[in-house]
Amino acid sequence: MDSLTSAGLGARRNEDIALDLLKFVAGTAGVGRPIAPSTGFSGSAGPKADEHVTQLLDLYTRCLKAVEGKGDRDSQPG
């Protein structure tokens, strides 16, 4: 616990940075939001709450890996 208090006020943990990145990406891309109902025909119900949670947890994992520099190296052109 002493290491956290002695780290200084300007130091941030990777988890905190990843959470901020998650909030930005989710808000910008609309991840985790229910689909707004529209008039007319609808094919099927939108994703359920547990699917939203799974999407957000997957996105947080990806954000944390990006912050730590351990991104998806397989998907990057090489």
Protein backbone atom coordinates (compact mmCIF):
# COMPACT_ATOMS: atom_id res chain seq x y z
CA MET A 1 0.00 0.00 0.00
CA ASP A 2 2.92 2.33 0.66
CA SER A 3 4.03 2.02 -2.95
CA LEU A 4 0.67 3.38 -4.12
CA THR A 5 0.81 6.42 -1.86
CA SER A 6 4.48 7.09 -2.58
CA ALA A 7 3.97 6.81 -6.32
CA GLY A 8 2.82 10.43 -6.51
CA LEU A 9 -0.40 12.02 -7.57
CA GLY A 10 0.54 12.08 -11.24
CA ALA A 11 1.11 8.33 -11.56
CA ARG A 12 -1.72 6.25 -12.98
CA ARG A 13 -2.06 2.52 -13.15
CA ASN A 14 -2.50 0.75 -16.47
CA GLU A 15 -5.90 -0.46 -15.31
CA ASP A 16 -7.11 3.11 -14.80
CA ILE A 17 -5.86 4.18 -18.21
CA ALA A 18 -7.48 1.13 -19.82
CA LEU A 19 -10.77 1.98 -18.11
CA ASP A 20 -10.67 5.52 -19.48
CA LEU A 21 -9.89 4.14 -22.93
CA LEU A 22 -12.81 1.71 -22.59
CA LYS A 23 -15.17 4.56 -21.70
CA PHE A 24 -14.02 6.56 -24.70
CA VAL A 25 -14.23 3.70 -27.20
CA ALA A 26 -17.53 2.39 -25.87
CA GLY A 27 -19.08 5.85 -25.92
CA THR A 28 -17.82 6.62 -29.40
CA ALA A 29 -18.67 3.26 -30.96
CA GLY A 30 -21.86 2.67 -28.98
CA VAL A 31 -20.61 -0.64 -27.56
CA GLY A 32 -22.80 -1.92 -24.78
CA ARG A 33 -25.76 0.28 -25.58
CA PRO A 34 -29.12 -1.23 -26.34
CA ILE A 35 -30.37 -0.66 -29.85
CA ALA A 36 -33.03 2.04 -29.95
CA PRO A 37 -36.41 0.79 -31.05
CA SER A 38 -37.54 1.97 -34.45
CA THR A 39 -40.82 2.03 -36.27
CA GLY A 40 -41.60 -0.64 -38.79
CA PHE A 41 -40.54 -4.23 -38.87
CA SER A 42 -37.87 -5.53 -36.57
CA GLY A 43 -36.00 -8.71 -37.35
CA SER A 44 -35.10 -9.77 -33.84
CA ALA A 45 -34.65 -8.44 -30.36
CA GLY A 46 -31.38 -6.66 -29.66
CA PRO A 47 -28.53 -8.15 -27.66
CA LYS A 48 -29.32 -9.09 -24.09
CA ALA A 49 -27.72 -7.58 -20.98
CA ASP A 50 -25.26 -10.45 -20.52
CA GLU A 51 -24.08 -10.00 -24.12
CA HIS A 52 -23.47 -6.30 -23.40
CA VAL A 53 -21.42 -7.20 -20.33
CA THR A 54 -19.40 -9.72 -22.34
CA GLN A 55 -18.73 -7.11 -25.04
CA LEU A 56 -17.58 -4.57 -22.46
CA LEU A 57 -15.32 -7.06 -20.67
CA ASP A 58 -13.76 -8.13 -23.97
CA LEU A 59 -13.22 -4.50 -24.89
CA TYR A 60 -11.63 -3.77 -21.48
CA THR A 61 -9.25 -6.71 -21.96
CA ARG A 62 -8.25 -5.37 -25.37
CA CYS A 63 -7.78 -1.85 -23.96
CA LEU A 64 -5.60 -3.15 -21.12
CA LYS A 65 -3.44 -5.12 -23.56
CA ALA A 66 -3.08 -2.02 -25.73
CA VAL A 67 -2.03 0.12 -22.77
CA GLU A 68 0.49 -2.50 -21.66
CA GLY A 69 1.86 -2.77 -25.20
CA LYS A 70 0.70 -6.36 -25.58
CA GLY A 71 -1.83 -5.75 -28.35
CA ASP A 72 -3.00 -8.31 -30.87
CA ARG A 73 0.28 -8.89 -32.66
CA ASP A 74 -1.26 -11.63 -34.79
CA SER A 75 -3.68 -9.20 -36.41
CA GLN A 76 -1.07 -6.54 -37.13
CA PRO A 77 0.51 -6.46 -40.55
CA GLY A 78 4.09 -7.54 -40.31
